[in-house]
């Protein structure tokens, strides 16, 4: 079993290759992200099963493998903690309404899972209405300081 990061939603997941006992019968098999259902193919003797990581596994993976933001994309980062009020997050998103970005990165500062916030669906919906890609990255202040040279950050 291996861990991969979806090229569409940027979330990590487990990939297990099942079967494959018949050498010489390689075919293109689908691998679907369990988060956004984005699908790509890979050659295999068997088939692939994907499962999401636990919140703890996903955070550990994100910390060990920070997202590489593409220089060809205009990315805006929004720093969010568990204590950031909904209206403040939505106001930051609203400031990007006419920015013509490609991606909004929610930069989760602190130990809490921002996707577990009761307002997460609203936040995600507002972001997705403006950009093609939404990603969540669990960060430290040092990572935010490093990202300043790569993306525009709304603290």
C-alpha atoms as a PDB file:
ATOM      1  CA  UNK A   1       0.000   0.000   0.000  1.00  0.00           C
ATOM      2  CA  UNK A   2       1.220   3.509  -0.799  1.00  0.00           C
ATOM      3  CA  UNK A   3       0.086   7.070  -0.173  1.00  0.00           C
ATOM      4  CA  UNK A   4      -0.557   9.462  -3.048  1.00  0.00           C
ATOM      5  CA  UNK A   5      -1.669  13.079  -3.270  1.00  0.00           C
ATOM      6  CA  UNK A   6      -4.539  13.850  -5.657  1.00  0.00           C
ATOM      7  CA  UNK A   7      -3.479  16.235  -8.407  1.00  0.00           C
ATOM      8  CA  UNK A   8      -6.985  17.739  -8.426  1.00  0.00           C
ATOM      9  CA  UNK A   9      -7.914  18.362  -4.764  1.00  0.00           C
ATOM     10  CA  UNK A  10      -4.392  17.977  -3.279  1.00  0.00           C
ATOM     11  CA  UNK A  11      -5.573  15.573  -0.552  1.00  0.00           C
ATOM     12  CA  UNK A  12      -3.654  12.416   0.287  1.00  0.00           C
ATOM     13  CA  UNK A  13      -5.078   8.885   0.230  1.00  0.00           C
ATOM     14  CA  UNK A  14      -4.058   5.222   0.416  1.00  0.00           C
ATOM     15  CA  UNK A  15      -3.699   3.228  -2.807  1.00  0.00           C
ATOM     16  CA  UNK A  16      -3.639  -0.569  -2.626  1.00  0.00           C
ATOM     17  CA  UNK A  17      -3.021  -2.775  -5.646  1.00  0.00           C
ATOM     18  CA  UNK A  18      -5.242  -5.857  -5.474  1.00  0.00           C
ATOM     19  CA  UNK A  19      -4.680  -9.053  -7.372  1.00  0.00           C
ATOM     20  CA  UNK A  20      -2.035  -8.976 -10.039  1.00  0.00           C
ATOM     21  CA  UNK A  21      -1.207 -12.668  -9.853  1.00  0.00           C
ATOM     22  CA  UNK A  22      -1.104 -13.066 -13.635  1.00  0.00           C
ATOM     23  CA  UNK A  23       2.145 -11.661 -15.046  1.00  0.00           C
ATOM     24  CA  UNK A  24       2.019 -10.353 -18.571  1.00  0.00           C
ATOM     25  CA  UNK A  25      -1.585  -9.176 -18.386  1.00  0.00           C
ATOM     26  CA  UNK A  26      -0.974  -5.520 -17.565  1.00  0.00           C
ATOM     27  CA  UNK A  27      -3.839  -3.199 -18.425  1.00  0.00           C
ATOM     28  CA  UNK A  28      -4.749   0.409 -17.647  1.00  0.00           C
ATOM     29  CA  UNK A  29      -6.682   0.487 -14.371  1.00  0.00           C
ATOM     30  CA  UNK A  30      -8.478   3.428 -12.725  1.00  0.00           C
ATOM     31  CA  UNK A  31      -7.317   5.083  -9.516  1.00  0.00           C
ATOM     32  CA  UNK A  32     -10.008   7.367  -8.068  1.00  0.00           C
ATOM     33  CA  UNK A  33      -9.447   9.897  -5.315  1.00  0.00           C
ATOM     34  CA  UNK A  34     -11.792   8.997  -2.439  1.00  0.00           C
ATOM     35  CA  UNK A  35     -12.219  12.713  -1.629  1.00  0.00           C
ATOM     36  CA  UNK A  36     -13.125  14.338  -4.966  1.00  0.00           C
ATOM     37  CA  UNK A  37     -13.490  11.272  -7.267  1.00  0.00           C
ATOM     38  CA  UNK A  38     -10.892  12.602  -9.727  1.00  0.00           C
ATOM     39  CA  UNK A  39      -9.735   9.547 -11.689  1.00  0.00           C
ATOM     40  CA  UNK A  40      -6.504   8.723 -13.492  1.00  0.00           C
ATOM     41  CA  UNK A  41      -5.109   5.446 -14.786  1.00  0.00           C
ATOM     42  CA  UNK A  42      -2.034   3.380 -14.138  1.00  0.00           C
ATOM     43  CA  UNK A  43      -0.840   0.110 -15.647  1.00  0.00           C
ATOM     44  CA  UNK A  44      -1.333  -2.911 -13.395  1.00  0.00           C
ATOM     45  CA  UNK A  45      -1.753  -6.684 -13.372  1.00  0.00           C
ATOM     46  CA  UNK A  46      -4.622  -6.236 -10.898  1.00  0.00           C
ATOM     47  CA  UNK A  47      -6.897  -3.414  -9.800  1.00  0.00           C
ATOM     48  CA  UNK A  48      -6.595  -0.489  -7.374  1.00  0.00           C
ATOM     49  CA  UNK A  49      -8.528   0.246  -4.186  1.00  0.00           C
ATOM     50  CA  UNK A  50      -8.315   3.704  -2.637  1.00  0.00           C
ATOM     51  CA  UNK A  51      -9.226   4.791   0.880  1.00  0.00           C
ATOM     52  CA  UNK A  52      -8.900   8.134   2.666  1.00  0.00           C
ATOM     53  CA  UNK A  53      -6.276   8.608   5.324  1.00  0.00           C
ATOM     54  CA  UNK A  54      -7.370   9.251   8.886  1.00  0.00           C
ATOM     55  CA  UNK A  55      -7.156  12.885  10.012  1.00  0.00           C
ATOM     56  CA  UNK A  56      -3.974  12.064  11.959  1.00  0.00           C
ATOM     57  CA  UNK A  57      -2.378  10.280   8.983  1.00  0.00           C
ATOM     58  CA  UNK A  58      -3.337  13.080   6.595  1.00  0.00           C
ATOM     59  CA  UNK A  59      -1.872  15.767   8.842  1.00  0.00           C
ATOM     60  CA  UNK A  60       1.374  13.793   9.280  1.00  0.00           C
ATOM     61  CA  UNK A  61       1.609  13.250   5.511  1.00  0.00           C
ATOM     62  CA  UNK A  62       0.971  16.941   4.806  1.00  0.00           C
ATOM     63  CA  UNK A  63       3.617  18.012   7.300  1.00  0.00           C
ATOM     64  CA  UNK A  64       6.190  15.614   5.812  1.00  0.00           C
ATOM     65  CA  UNK A  65       5.212  16.391   2.189  1.00  0.00           C
ATOM     66  CA  UNK A  66       4.224  20.063   1.844  1.00  0.00           C
ATOM     67  CA  UNK A  67       2.185  20.989  -1.207  1.00  0.00           C
ATOM     68  CA  UNK A  68       4.255  22.336  -4.094  1.00  0.00           C
ATOM     69  CA  UNK A  69       2.329  25.290  -5.506  1.00  0.00           C
ATOM     70  CA  UNK A  70       2.744  25.684  -9.262  1.00  0.00           C
ATOM     71  CA  UNK A  71       4.396  28.901 -10.381  1.00  0.00           C
ATOM     72  CA  UNK A  72       2.061  28.948 -13.384  1.00  0.00           C
ATOM     73  CA  UNK A  73      -0.970  29.230 -11.077  1.00  0.00           C
ATOM     74  CA  UNK A  74      -2.067  32.269  -9.119  1.00  0.00           C
ATOM     75  CA  UNK A  75      -2.583  30.952  -5.593  1.00  0.00           C
ATOM     76  CA  UNK A  76      -4.042  32.811  -2.634  1.00  0.00           C
ATOM     77  CA  UNK A  77      -3.525  31.471   0.875  1.00  0.00           C
ATOM     78  CA  UNK A  78      -5.965  32.155   3.704  1.00  0.00           C
ATOM     79  CA  UNK A  79      -4.708  31.521   7.229  1.00  0.00           C
ATOM     80  CA  UNK A  80      -7.397  29.854   9.349  1.00  0.00           C
ATOM     81  CA  UNK A  81      -7.359  28.564  12.920  1.00  0.00           C
ATOM     82  CA  UNK A  82     -10.108  26.798  14.836  1.00  0.00           C
ATOM     83  CA  UNK A  83     -10.838  30.121  16.550  1.00  0.00           C
ATOM     84  CA  UNK A  84     -11.160  32.155  13.329  1.00  0.00           C
ATOM     85  CA  UNK A  85     -14.810  33.281  13.165  1.00  0.00           C
ATOM     86  CA  UNK A  86     -16.837  32.285  10.100  1.00  0.00           C
ATOM     87  CA  UNK A  87     -17.550  35.890   9.121  1.00  0.00           C
ATOM     88  CA  UNK A  88     -13.808  36.667   9.165  1.00  0.00           C
ATOM     89  CA  UNK A  89     -13.000  33.678   6.930  1.00  0.00           C
ATOM     90  CA  UNK A  90     -15.814  34.589   4.527  1.00  0.00           C
ATOM     91  CA  UNK A  91     -14.631  38.229   4.464  1.00  0.00           C
ATOM     92  CA  UNK A  92     -11.123  37.066   3.449  1.00  0.00           C
ATOM     93  CA  UNK A  93     -12.612  34.887   0.724  1.00  0.00           C
ATOM     94  CA  UNK A  94     -14.779  37.805  -0.411  1.00  0.00           C
ATOM     95  CA  UNK A  95     -11.694  39.994  -0.835  1.00  0.00           C
ATOM     96  CA  UNK A  96     -10.557  37.527  -3.512  1.00  0.00           C
ATOM     97  CA  UNK A  97     -13.789  37.693  -5.514  1.00  0.00           C
ATOM     98  CA  UNK A  98     -12.227  39.784  -8.319  1.00  0.00           C
ATOM     99  CA  UNK A  99      -8.649  38.531  -7.983  1.00  0.00           C
ATOM    100  CA  UNK A 100      -8.846  35.992 -10.852  1.00  0.00           C
ATOM    101  CA  UNK A 101      -6.901  33.285  -9.031  1.00  0.00           C
ATOM    102  CA  UNK A 102      -6.503  29.626  -9.908  1.00  0.00           C
ATOM    103  CA  UNK A 103      -6.328  28.210  -6.369  1.00  0.00           C
ATOM    104  CA  UNK A 104      -7.247  29.081  -2.814  1.00  0.00           C
ATOM    105  CA  UNK A 105      -5.128  27.329  -0.208  1.00  0.00           C
ATOM    106  CA  UNK A 106      -6.615  27.197   3.268  1.00  0.00           C
ATOM    107  CA  UNK A 107      -3.547  27.351   5.515  1.00  0.00           C
ATOM    108  CA  UNK A 108      -4.626  25.636   8.728  1.00  0.00           C
ATOM    109  CA  UNK A 109      -2.527  26.978  11.561  1.00  0.00           C
ATOM    110  CA  UNK A 110      -2.858  24.941  14.735  1.00  0.00           C
ATOM    111  CA  UNK A 111      -3.677  21.396  15.709  1.00  0.00           C
ATOM    112  CA  UNK A 112      -7.342  21.343  14.671  1.00  0.00           C
ATOM    113  CA  UNK A 113      -8.760  19.836  11.479  1.00  0.00           C
ATOM    114  CA  UNK A 114     -10.348  22.762   9.615  1.00  0.00           C
ATOM    115  CA  UNK A 115     -12.477  20.338   7.599  1.00  0.00           C
ATOM    116  CA  UNK A 116     -14.202  19.392  10.870  1.00  0.00           C
ATOM    117  CA  UNK A 117     -15.410  22.973  11.444  1.00  0.00           C
ATOM    118  CA  UNK A 118     -19.217  23.199  11.366  1.00  0.00           C
ATOM    119  CA  UNK A 119     -18.914  25.930   8.718  1.00  0.00           C
ATOM    120  CA  UNK A 120     -16.519  23.993   6.451  1.00  0.00           C
ATOM    121  CA  UNK A 121     -19.085  23.314   3.713  1.00  0.00           C
ATOM    122  CA  UNK A 122     -19.884  27.019   3.494  1.00  0.00           C
ATOM    123  CA  UNK A 123     -16.199  27.959   3.368  1.00  0.00           C
ATOM    124  CA  UNK A 124     -15.419  25.321   0.724  1.00  0.00           C
ATOM    125  CA  UNK A 125     -18.455  26.286  -1.357  1.00  0.00           C
ATOM    126  CA  UNK A 126     -17.506  29.975  -1.355  1.00  0.00           C
ATOM    127  CA  UNK A 127     -13.947  29.130  -2.417  1.00  0.00           C
ATOM    128  CA  UNK A 128     -14.980  26.699  -5.151  1.00  0.00           C
ATOM    129  CA  UNK A 129     -17.358  29.300  -6.596  1.00  0.00           C
ATOM    130  CA  UNK A 130     -14.334  31.494  -7.386  1.00  0.00           C
ATOM    131  CA  UNK A 131     -11.418  29.211  -8.276  1.00  0.00           C
ATOM    132  CA  UNK A 132     -10.759  25.847  -9.942  1.00  0.00           C
ATOM    133  CA  UNK A 133      -8.775  24.403  -7.059  1.00  0.00           C
ATOM    134  CA  UNK A 134      -9.168  24.441  -3.293  1.00  0.00           C
ATOM    135  CA  UNK A 135      -6.552  22.877  -1.065  1.00  0.00           C
ATOM    136  CA  UNK A 136      -5.995  22.617   2.669  1.00  0.00           C
ATOM    137  CA  UNK A 137      -2.496  22.575   4.077  1.00  0.00           C
ATOM    138  CA  UNK A 138      -1.690  22.139   7.752  1.00  0.00           C
ATOM    139  CA  UNK A 139       1.097  24.608   8.448  1.00  0.00           C
ATOM    140  CA  UNK A 140       3.389  26.069  11.050  1.00  0.00           C
ATOM    141  CA  UNK A 141       4.279  29.751  11.208  1.00  0.00           C
ATOM    142  CA  UNK A 142       7.660  28.851   9.657  1.00  0.00           C
ATOM    143  CA  UNK A 143       5.880  27.281   6.645  1.00  0.00           C
ATOM    144  CA  UNK A 144       3.728  30.402   6.230  1.00  0.00           C
ATOM    145  CA  UNK A 145       6.878  32.534   6.293  1.00  0.00           C
ATOM    146  CA  UNK A 146       8.383  30.328   3.559  1.00  0.00           C
ATOM    147  CA  UNK A 147       5.203  30.442   1.441  1.00  0.00           C
ATOM    148  CA  UNK A 148       5.198  34.246   1.295  1.00  0.00           C
ATOM    149  CA  UNK A 149       7.629  34.092  -1.631  1.00  0.00           C
ATOM    150  CA  UNK A 150       5.423  31.602  -3.550  1.00  0.00           C
ATOM    151  CA  UNK A 151       1.800  32.678  -2.989  1.00  0.00           C
ATOM    152  CA  UNK A 152      -0.229  35.677  -1.810  1.00  0.00           C
ATOM    153  CA  UNK A 153      -1.309  35.176   1.795  1.00  0.00           C
ATOM    154  CA  UNK A 154      -4.229  36.759   3.642  1.00  0.00           C
ATOM    155  CA  UNK A 155      -3.408  36.452   7.339  1.00  0.00           C
END
